[in-house]
Each structure stands twice: as C-alpha cells, then as structure tokens.
Amino acid sequence: MSTELTAEKVMEMGKFWGGSYLSRLAPEERLAGLGTEERLAGLATEERLAGLDTKDIVSKMDHQKILAELSIEEIEVYLQRYKGSSK
C-alpha cells in the first residue's frame, strides 16, 4: 500500500512529531536560542513582571525620563496627594 505524500500531509506530520518532541523537553531546552523579545512575545505586562521585586524594577527606571514625559499638572496633582497622605 502506498500513500502519496502531499505538502499538506508532510506539514501535518511535522507539526505532530515536532509537538511530540518539544513537549518532552525542559523549558530551558525549548527556549534555548531564543532572544528576549521572542521569549516574552505575547505576555501581558503583569506576566512579564511576575516574580520581580518592585524596588528592583523601579531602581532600573530612568526617573528623569519618566518625569519629563509628565505634564506639570500631573506632577502637581501627585505632589498634592503625596503631601496629603504624609500628614
């Protein structure tokens, strides 16, 4: 009995065997060779930051750049709230 192998059948077989092979690998092995952007693609911000310490995240930020992107009004509102909560 012979079966004709079409491009579609070959792709289907590749997906099946590739998925079977990949499912047996450790996460580190599956991700080996991928860049940071590829590893994080599709994750929400909360998922990207999960497990990280807030102080560590904030320490890596460019505070001058963040402040430069805010309007004076936004900064004043924050300062008023901060002054009100520290009393």
Protein backbone atom coordinates (compact mmCIF):
# COMPACT_ATOMS: atom_id res chain seq x y z
CA MET A 1 0.00 0.00 0.00
CA SER A 2 1.47 3.34 -0.99
CA THR A 3 0.32 6.76 0.08
CA GLU A 4 1.07 9.95 -1.72
CA LEU A 5 2.81 12.49 0.48
CA THR A 6 1.46 15.92 -0.28
CA ALA A 7 2.97 19.10 1.09
CA GLU A 8 0.00 19.39 3.46
CA LYS A 9 0.50 15.87 4.81
CA VAL A 10 4.21 16.47 5.35
CA MET A 11 3.45 19.71 7.23
CA GLU A 12 0.83 17.91 9.35
CA MET A 13 3.28 15.13 10.20
CA GLY A 14 5.97 17.67 11.04
CA LYS A 15 3.65 19.51 13.41
CA PHE A 16 2.65 16.26 15.10
CA TRP A 17 6.17 14.91 15.58
CA GLY A 18 7.63 18.33 16.37
CA GLY A 19 4.98 18.94 19.03
CA SER A 20 5.58 15.49 20.48
CA TYR A 21 9.33 16.10 20.60
CA LEU A 22 9.05 19.62 22.05
CA SER A 23 6.63 18.55 24.77
CA ARG A 24 9.31 16.25 26.18
CA LEU A 25 11.94 18.99 26.51
CA ALA A 26 12.58 21.02 29.64
CA PRO A 27 11.53 24.69 29.38
CA GLU A 28 15.18 25.78 29.26
CA GLU A 29 15.77 23.50 26.28
CA ARG A 30 12.66 24.72 24.44
CA LEU A 31 13.70 28.36 24.91
CA ALA A 32 17.39 27.88 24.09
CA GLY A 33 18.46 30.12 21.23
CA LEU A 34 15.51 32.50 21.50
CA GLY A 35 16.13 36.17 22.17
CA THR A 36 14.46 38.11 24.97
CA GLU A 37 11.81 39.61 22.69
CA GLU A 38 10.86 36.19 21.33
CA ARG A 39 10.69 34.66 24.81
CA LEU A 40 8.41 37.41 26.10
CA ALA A 41 6.23 37.80 23.00
CA GLY A 42 2.54 37.52 23.79
CA LEU A 43 2.89 38.11 27.53
CA ALA A 44 0.94 40.86 29.25
CA THR A 45 2.94 43.41 31.26
CA GLU A 46 1.82 41.80 34.53
CA GLU A 47 3.09 38.43 33.33
CA ARG A 48 6.45 39.91 32.31
CA LEU A 49 6.90 41.43 35.77
CA ALA A 50 5.58 38.49 37.81
CA GLY A 51 8.00 37.39 40.50
CA LEU A 52 10.16 40.52 40.29
CA ASP A 53 10.74 42.78 43.28
CA THR A 54 9.11 46.21 42.86
CA LYS A 55 12.15 48.01 44.29
CA ASP A 56 14.40 46.26 41.78
CA ILE A 57 12.13 47.24 38.87
CA VAL A 58 11.94 50.87 39.99
CA SER A 59 15.70 51.09 40.54
CA LYS A 60 16.26 50.26 36.85
CA MET A 61 13.98 53.06 35.60
CA ASP A 62 15.18 56.36 34.20
CA HIS A 63 13.35 58.67 36.60
CA GLN A 64 14.32 61.82 34.72
CA LYS A 65 12.82 60.46 31.52
CA ILE A 66 9.61 59.43 33.29
CA LEU A 67 9.21 62.87 34.87
CA ALA A 68 9.97 64.59 31.54
CA GLU A 69 7.01 62.76 29.98
CA LEU A 70 4.58 64.08 32.63
CA SER A 71 2.86 67.44 32.46
CA ILE A 72 3.35 69.96 35.25
CA GLU A 73 -0.32 69.47 36.14
CA GLU A 74 0.15 65.71 36.56
CA ILE A 75 3.17 66.27 38.79
CA GLU A 76 1.31 68.86 40.87
CA VAL A 77 -1.66 66.50 41.38
CA TYR A 78 0.71 63.78 42.55
CA LEU A 79 2.52 66.16 44.91
CA GLN A 80 -0.78 67.34 46.42
CA ARG A 81 -1.85 63.72 47.01
CA TYR A 82 1.58 62.89 48.47
CA LYS A 83 1.53 65.90 50.79
CA GLY A 84 -2.00 65.00 51.90
CA SER A 85 -1.11 61.40 52.68
CA SER A 86 2.03 62.23 54.67
CA LYS A 87 0.20 64.26 57.30
